[in-house]
Amino acid sequence: MFSKSNLLATLVAGVVMFFLGYLIWGIATAEFFEEHSLVNVMKEVPNLGLIALGNLFGALMLSTLYSKWARGHHSIGQGFQFGALVGAFVGISMGLIWYATSNWMDGTGHIAEAVIDILYYGIVGAVIAFVYQKTASKE
C-alpha cells in the first residue's frame, strides 16, 4: 500500500482531483447546478484544507484499488476505464439513491452529475495509471 508508485500516484491524483474538481464544479458547472439545485447546501466559505485532505485520501484509496485491479498492467486507457467504473458507481448508483432519498437536486442535475462523475473519475484513473506506468519496476 505504501509503495513508491502508490504514494506518488496518490500525490499526483490528489492534486489533479483538487484542481480538476474546482474547475468542473467551482467554475464550469457552478451556474448549471445552481439552476438544478432544490436547496442551497453550500457553505459560504468552503474549508479548502478539508477538501484537499478528502481528495488526498480519495486518491490514496483509488490508487490502492487501481494497483489491485491492474495487477501490474498499466495503461492510460485501462486507468480511465477503472476510474469510469468508480465514477459510474458514485454518479449512477449513489446518485439514484440520493435522488430517491433527498431533495438536493432535480433529475437533470443528477443525470449531469453522473456523467461528470464518470468523466472526472475516468481522468483521475488515467492519471493514476500514468504514474504507475512511469514508476513501475522494470523487469
C-alpha atoms as a PDB file:
ATOM      1  CA  MET A   1       0.000   0.000   0.000  1.00  0.00           C
ATOM      2  CA  PHE A   2       2.882   2.363   0.634  1.00  0.00           C
ATOM      3  CA  SER A   3       4.973   1.642  -2.454  1.00  0.00           C
ATOM      4  CA  LYS A   4       6.709   4.448  -4.301  1.00  0.00           C
ATOM      5  CA  SER A   5       4.253   4.113  -7.190  1.00  0.00           C
ATOM      6  CA  ASN A   6       1.215   4.228  -4.917  1.00  0.00           C
ATOM      7  CA  LEU A   7       2.410   7.203  -2.910  1.00  0.00           C
ATOM      8  CA  LEU A   8       3.410   9.186  -5.994  1.00  0.00           C
ATOM      9  CA  ALA A   9       0.128   8.313  -7.767  1.00  0.00           C
ATOM     10  CA  THR A  10      -1.731   9.374  -4.616  1.00  0.00           C
ATOM     11  CA  LEU A  11       0.017  12.734  -4.525  1.00  0.00           C
ATOM     12  CA  VAL A  12      -0.417  13.482  -8.241  1.00  0.00           C
ATOM     13  CA  ALA A  13      -4.035  12.255  -8.327  1.00  0.00           C
ATOM     14  CA  GLY A  14      -4.857  14.216  -5.164  1.00  0.00           C
ATOM     15  CA  VAL A  15      -3.630  17.432  -6.783  1.00  0.00           C
ATOM     16  CA  VAL A  16      -5.499  16.637 -10.021  1.00  0.00           C
ATOM     17  CA  MET A  17      -8.683  15.863  -8.083  1.00  0.00           C
ATOM     18  CA  PHE A  18      -8.459  19.143  -6.176  1.00  0.00           C
ATOM     19  CA  PHE A  19      -7.879  21.415  -9.166  1.00  0.00           C
ATOM     20  CA  LEU A  20      -9.995  19.488 -11.694  1.00  0.00           C
ATOM     21  CA  GLY A  21     -12.837  19.394  -9.170  1.00  0.00           C
ATOM     22  CA  TYR A  22     -12.564  23.146  -8.725  1.00  0.00           C
ATOM     23  CA  LEU A  23     -12.552  23.702 -12.489  1.00  0.00           C
ATOM     24  CA  ILE A  24     -15.560  21.432 -13.018  1.00  0.00           C
ATOM     25  CA  TRP A  25     -17.803  22.163 -10.034  1.00  0.00           C
ATOM     26  CA  GLY A  26     -16.415  25.524  -8.926  1.00  0.00           C
ATOM     27  CA  ILE A  27     -16.284  27.207 -12.318  1.00  0.00           C
ATOM     28  CA  ALA A  28     -17.581  25.323 -15.387  1.00  0.00           C
ATOM     29  CA  THR A  29     -20.828  23.901 -13.990  1.00  0.00           C
ATOM     30  CA  ALA A  30     -21.490  26.149 -10.997  1.00  0.00           C
ATOM     31  CA  GLU A  31     -24.344  28.059 -12.642  1.00  0.00           C
ATOM     32  CA  PHE A  32     -25.855  24.867 -14.091  1.00  0.00           C
ATOM     33  CA  PHE A  33     -26.003  23.208 -10.683  1.00  0.00           C
ATOM     34  CA  GLU A  34     -27.385  26.382  -9.074  1.00  0.00           C
ATOM     35  CA  GLU A  35     -30.286  26.138 -11.529  1.00  0.00           C
ATOM     36  CA  HIS A  36     -30.861  22.438 -10.777  1.00  0.00           C
ATOM     37  CA  SER A  37     -30.369  22.536  -7.010  1.00  0.00           C
ATOM     38  CA  LEU A  38     -33.515  22.389  -4.928  1.00  0.00           C
ATOM     39  CA  VAL A  39     -31.827  23.681  -1.772  1.00  0.00           C
ATOM     40  CA  ASN A  40     -28.605  25.583  -1.226  1.00  0.00           C
ATOM     41  CA  VAL A  41     -26.407  23.361   0.906  1.00  0.00           C
ATOM     42  CA  MET A  42     -23.111  25.082   0.120  1.00  0.00           C
ATOM     43  CA  LYS A  43     -21.128  26.792   2.833  1.00  0.00           C
ATOM     44  CA  GLU A  44     -20.396  30.450   2.223  1.00  0.00           C
ATOM     45  CA  VAL A  45     -16.660  29.712   2.550  1.00  0.00           C
ATOM     46  CA  PRO A  46     -15.704  26.065   1.931  1.00  0.00           C
ATOM     47  CA  ASN A  47     -12.896  24.577   4.022  1.00  0.00           C
ATOM     48  CA  LEU A  48     -10.187  24.128   1.372  1.00  0.00           C
ATOM     49  CA  GLY A  49      -7.930  22.248   3.780  1.00  0.00           C
ATOM     50  CA  LEU A  50     -10.565  19.580   4.362  1.00  0.00           C
ATOM     51  CA  ILE A  51     -11.322  19.435   0.638  1.00  0.00           C
ATOM     52  CA  ALA A  52      -7.619  18.863  -0.059  1.00  0.00           C
ATOM     53  CA  LEU A  53      -7.413  16.213   2.674  1.00  0.00           C
ATOM     54  CA  GLY A  54     -10.528  14.487   1.328  1.00  0.00           C
ATOM     55  CA  ASN A  55      -9.081  14.497  -2.181  1.00  0.00           C
ATOM     56  CA  LEU A  56      -5.777  13.123  -0.921  1.00  0.00           C
ATOM     57  CA  PHE A  57      -7.485  10.300   0.994  1.00  0.00           C
ATOM     58  CA  GLY A  58      -9.730   9.561  -2.006  1.00  0.00           C
ATOM     59  CA  ALA A  59      -6.671   9.469  -4.256  1.00  0.00           C
ATOM     60  CA  LEU A  60      -4.966   7.037  -1.856  1.00  0.00           C
ATOM     61  CA  MET A  61      -7.987   4.732  -1.931  1.00  0.00           C
ATOM     62  CA  LEU A  62      -8.332   4.955  -5.723  1.00  0.00           C
ATOM     63  CA  SER A  63      -4.612   4.392  -6.249  1.00  0.00           C
ATOM     64  CA  THR A  64      -4.605   1.397  -3.914  1.00  0.00           C
ATOM     65  CA  LEU A  65      -7.688  -0.114  -5.572  1.00  0.00           C
ATOM     66  CA  TYR A  66      -6.219   0.554  -9.013  1.00  0.00           C
ATOM     67  CA  SER A  67      -2.998  -1.273  -8.124  1.00  0.00           C
ATOM     68  CA  LYS A  68      -5.032  -4.352  -7.162  1.00  0.00           C
ATOM     69  CA  TRP A  69      -7.280  -4.057 -10.221  1.00  0.00           C
ATOM     70  CA  ALA A  70      -4.486  -3.528 -12.778  1.00  0.00           C
ATOM     71  CA  ARG A  71      -2.279  -6.365 -11.478  1.00  0.00           C
ATOM     72  CA  GLY A  72       0.876  -4.855 -12.918  1.00  0.00           C
ATOM     73  CA  HIS A  73      -0.510  -3.954 -16.368  1.00  0.00           C
ATOM     74  CA  HIS A  74      -0.733  -0.189 -16.539  1.00  0.00           C
ATOM     75  CA  SER A  75      -2.103   1.874 -19.408  1.00  0.00           C
ATOM     76  CA  ILE A  76      -3.887   5.190 -19.547  1.00  0.00           C
ATOM     77  CA  GLY A  77      -6.875   3.529 -21.240  1.00  0.00           C
ATOM     78  CA  GLN A  78      -7.188   0.911 -18.520  1.00  0.00           C
ATOM     79  CA  GLY A  79      -6.805   3.619 -15.896  1.00  0.00           C
ATOM     80  CA  PHE A  80      -9.597   5.629 -17.500  1.00  0.00           C
ATOM     81  CA  GLN A  81     -11.775   2.508 -17.591  1.00  0.00           C
ATOM     82  CA  PHE A  82     -11.085   1.860 -13.899  1.00  0.00           C
ATOM     83  CA  GLY A  83     -11.892   5.460 -12.995  1.00  0.00           C
ATOM     84  CA  ALA A  84     -15.030   5.493 -15.151  1.00  0.00           C
ATOM     85  CA  LEU A  85     -16.298   2.398 -13.309  1.00  0.00           C
ATOM     86  CA  VAL A  86     -15.739   4.181  -9.997  1.00  0.00           C
ATOM     87  CA  GLY A  87     -17.461   7.253 -11.441  1.00  0.00           C
ATOM     88  CA  ALA A  88     -20.424   5.141 -12.528  1.00  0.00           C
ATOM     89  CA  PHE A  89     -20.689   3.735  -9.008  1.00  0.00           C
ATOM     90  CA  VAL A  90     -20.627   7.202  -7.478  1.00  0.00           C
ATOM     91  CA  GLY A  91     -22.600   9.038 -10.138  1.00  0.00           C
ATOM     92  CA  ILE A  92     -25.265   6.498 -11.057  1.00  0.00           C
ATOM     93  CA  SER A  93     -25.610   4.180  -8.075  1.00  0.00           C
ATOM     94  CA  MET A  94     -25.211   6.763  -5.356  1.00  0.00           C
ATOM     95  CA  GLY A  95     -26.923   9.428  -7.489  1.00  0.00           C
ATOM     96  CA  LEU A  96     -30.062   7.296  -7.764  1.00  0.00           C
ATOM     97  CA  ILE A  97     -30.045   6.708  -4.012  1.00  0.00           C
ATOM     98  CA  TRP A  98     -29.582  10.431  -3.304  1.00  0.00           C
ATOM     99  CA  TYR A  99     -32.338  11.303  -5.780  1.00  0.00           C
ATOM    100  CA  ALA A 100     -34.657   8.777  -4.121  1.00  0.00           C
ATOM    101  CA  THR A 101     -33.948   9.918  -0.568  1.00  0.00           C
ATOM    102  CA  SER A 102     -33.220  13.648  -0.642  1.00  0.00           C
ATOM    103  CA  ASN A 103     -34.323  16.951  -2.113  1.00  0.00           C
ATOM    104  CA  TRP A 104     -30.866  18.038  -3.137  1.00  0.00           C
ATOM    105  CA  MET A 105     -31.165  18.351  -6.955  1.00  0.00           C
ATOM    106  CA  ASP A 106     -33.697  17.703  -9.668  1.00  0.00           C
ATOM    107  CA  GLY A 107     -33.382  14.732 -12.041  1.00  0.00           C
ATOM    108  CA  THR A 108     -31.498  16.718 -14.677  1.00  0.00           C
ATOM    109  CA  GLY A 109     -28.914  17.728 -12.098  1.00  0.00           C
ATOM    110  CA  HIS A 110     -28.403  14.126 -11.012  1.00  0.00           C
ATOM    111  CA  ILE A 111     -28.037  12.917 -14.607  1.00  0.00           C
ATOM    112  CA  ALA A 112     -25.469  15.636 -15.326  1.00  0.00           C
ATOM    113  CA  GLU A 113     -23.659  14.801 -12.091  1.00  0.00           C
ATOM    114  CA  ALA A 114     -23.474  11.127 -13.096  1.00  0.00           C
ATOM    115  CA  VAL A 115     -21.928  11.965 -16.474  1.00  0.00           C
ATOM    116  CA  ILE A 116     -19.470  14.381 -14.881  1.00  0.00           C
ATOM    117  CA  ASP A 117     -18.522  11.826 -12.202  1.00  0.00           C
ATOM    118  CA  ILE A 118     -17.776   9.191 -14.850  1.00  0.00           C
ATOM    119  CA  LEU A 119     -15.521  11.602 -16.762  1.00  0.00           C
ATOM    120  CA  TYR A 120     -13.907  13.076 -13.631  1.00  0.00           C
ATOM    121  CA  TYR A 121     -13.012   9.719 -12.110  1.00  0.00           C
ATOM    122  CA  GLY A 122     -12.012   8.417 -15.537  1.00  0.00           C
ATOM    123  CA  ILE A 123      -9.466  11.226 -15.837  1.00  0.00           C
ATOM    124  CA  VAL A 124      -8.241  10.608 -12.289  1.00  0.00           C
ATOM    125  CA  GLY A 125      -7.905   6.887 -13.056  1.00  0.00           C
ATOM    126  CA  ALA A 126      -5.923   7.679 -16.207  1.00  0.00           C
ATOM    127  CA  VAL A 127      -3.591   9.918 -14.174  1.00  0.00           C
ATOM    128  CA  ILE A 128      -3.077   7.171 -11.601  1.00  0.00           C
ATOM    129  CA  ALA A 129      -2.358   4.610 -14.345  1.00  0.00           C
ATOM    130  CA  PHE A 130       0.092   7.003 -15.991  1.00  0.00           C
ATOM    131  CA  VAL A 131       2.044   7.419 -12.751  1.00  0.00           C
ATOM    132  CA  TYR A 132       2.070   3.667 -12.150  1.00  0.00           C
ATOM    133  CA  GLN A 133       3.221   3.090 -15.738  1.00  0.00           C
ATOM    134  CA  LYS A 134       6.089   5.554 -15.367  1.00  0.00           C
ATOM    135  CA  THR A 135       7.185   4.313 -11.931  1.00  0.00           C
ATOM    136  CA  ALA A 136       6.657   0.555 -12.364  1.00  0.00           C
ATOM    137  CA  SER A 137       9.727  -1.536 -11.740  1.00  0.00           C
ATOM    138  CA  LYS A 138      11.372  -2.710 -14.964  1.00  0.00           C
ATOM    139  CA  GLU A 139      11.540  -6.490 -15.055  1.00  0.00           C
END
